[in-house]
Amino acid sequence: MSAALKLDVQIMSGEWFRQDLLQPVFGLTPEAARKYRTRGLWLENKHWRRDPANVIVFNRKEIERWMGGQL
């Protein structure tokens, strides 16, 4: 007898997370995030910043506020 095992995996982001989680968390492409940054819609050190490895990371809470119309 063998039973199928179903795993339910959930990804929870921390306060700051890397670009690869933008799509599953917010449905945003990396290109959309780049445009928001370069056009000044997302502010450095508020919506995004560079981590110690010089990789751009995003603030989940601030992006949620921005998406809700709270600038």
Protein backbone atom coordinates (compact mmCIF):
# COMPACT_ATOMS: atom_id res chain seq x y z
CA MET A 1 0.00 0.00 0.00
CA SER A 2 1.28 3.44 -0.87
CA ALA A 3 -0.31 6.71 0.00
CA ALA A 4 0.19 9.92 -1.92
CA LEU A 5 1.69 12.67 0.17
CA LYS A 6 0.58 16.18 -0.64
CA LEU A 7 2.75 19.05 0.49
CA ASP A 8 1.35 22.52 0.91
CA VAL A 9 4.25 24.96 0.64
CA GLN A 10 3.80 28.61 1.40
CA ILE A 11 6.45 31.26 0.83
CA MET A 12 6.44 34.06 3.35
CA SER A 13 8.62 37.04 2.64
CA GLY A 14 10.34 39.02 5.33
CA GLU A 15 10.19 42.79 5.54
CA TRP A 16 12.79 43.11 2.75
CA PHE A 17 12.97 40.54 -0.03
CA ARG A 18 14.73 40.02 -3.35
CA GLN A 19 13.31 40.54 -6.81
CA ASP A 20 12.54 36.87 -7.43
CA LEU A 21 9.61 37.08 -4.98
CA LEU A 22 7.95 40.10 -6.63
CA GLN A 23 6.01 37.90 -9.05
CA PRO A 24 4.58 35.40 -6.53
CA VAL A 25 3.89 38.03 -3.85
CA PHE A 26 2.59 40.96 -5.92
CA GLY A 27 2.26 39.65 -9.47
CA LEU A 28 4.83 42.20 -10.67
CA THR A 29 7.51 41.46 -13.22
CA PRO A 30 11.11 42.54 -12.67
CA GLU A 31 10.67 44.94 -15.60
CA ALA A 32 7.68 46.61 -13.91
CA ALA A 33 9.69 47.00 -10.69
CA ARG A 34 12.58 48.54 -12.65
CA LYS A 35 10.21 51.07 -14.22
CA TYR A 36 8.70 51.99 -10.85
CA ARG A 37 12.21 52.56 -9.47
CA THR A 38 13.63 54.50 -12.43
CA ARG A 39 10.55 56.71 -12.76
CA GLY A 40 10.66 57.58 -9.07
CA LEU A 41 7.35 55.92 -8.21
CA TRP A 42 9.16 53.67 -5.73
CA LEU A 43 11.59 55.58 -3.55
CA GLU A 44 15.02 54.36 -2.57
CA ASN A 45 15.29 53.39 1.13
CA LYS A 46 11.49 53.35 1.35
CA HIS A 47 10.26 50.90 -1.29
CA TRP A 48 13.65 49.50 -2.31
CA ARG A 49 17.31 49.56 -1.32
CA ARG A 50 20.53 47.65 -1.90
CA ASP A 51 21.50 44.94 0.56
CA PRO A 52 25.11 44.37 1.76
CA ALA A 53 25.72 42.18 -1.31
CA ASN A 54 24.69 45.16 -3.51
CA VAL A 55 21.49 43.37 -4.61
CA ILE A 56 18.25 45.35 -4.86
CA VAL A 57 15.68 44.30 -2.25
CA PHE A 58 12.10 45.49 -1.81
CA ASN A 59 10.04 46.46 1.24
CA ARG A 60 6.85 44.39 1.32
CA LYS A 61 4.89 46.69 3.67
CA GLU A 62 5.70 49.88 1.76
CA ILE A 63 4.83 48.32 -1.60
CA GLU A 64 1.53 47.09 -0.14
CA ARG A 65 0.79 50.65 1.03
CA TRP A 66 1.74 52.04 -2.39
CA MET A 67 -0.49 49.53 -4.16
CA GLY A 68 -3.34 50.52 -1.82
CA GLY A 69 -2.97 54.17 -2.85
CA GLN A 70 -1.16 55.28 0.30
CA LEU A 71 1.87 57.19 -0.83
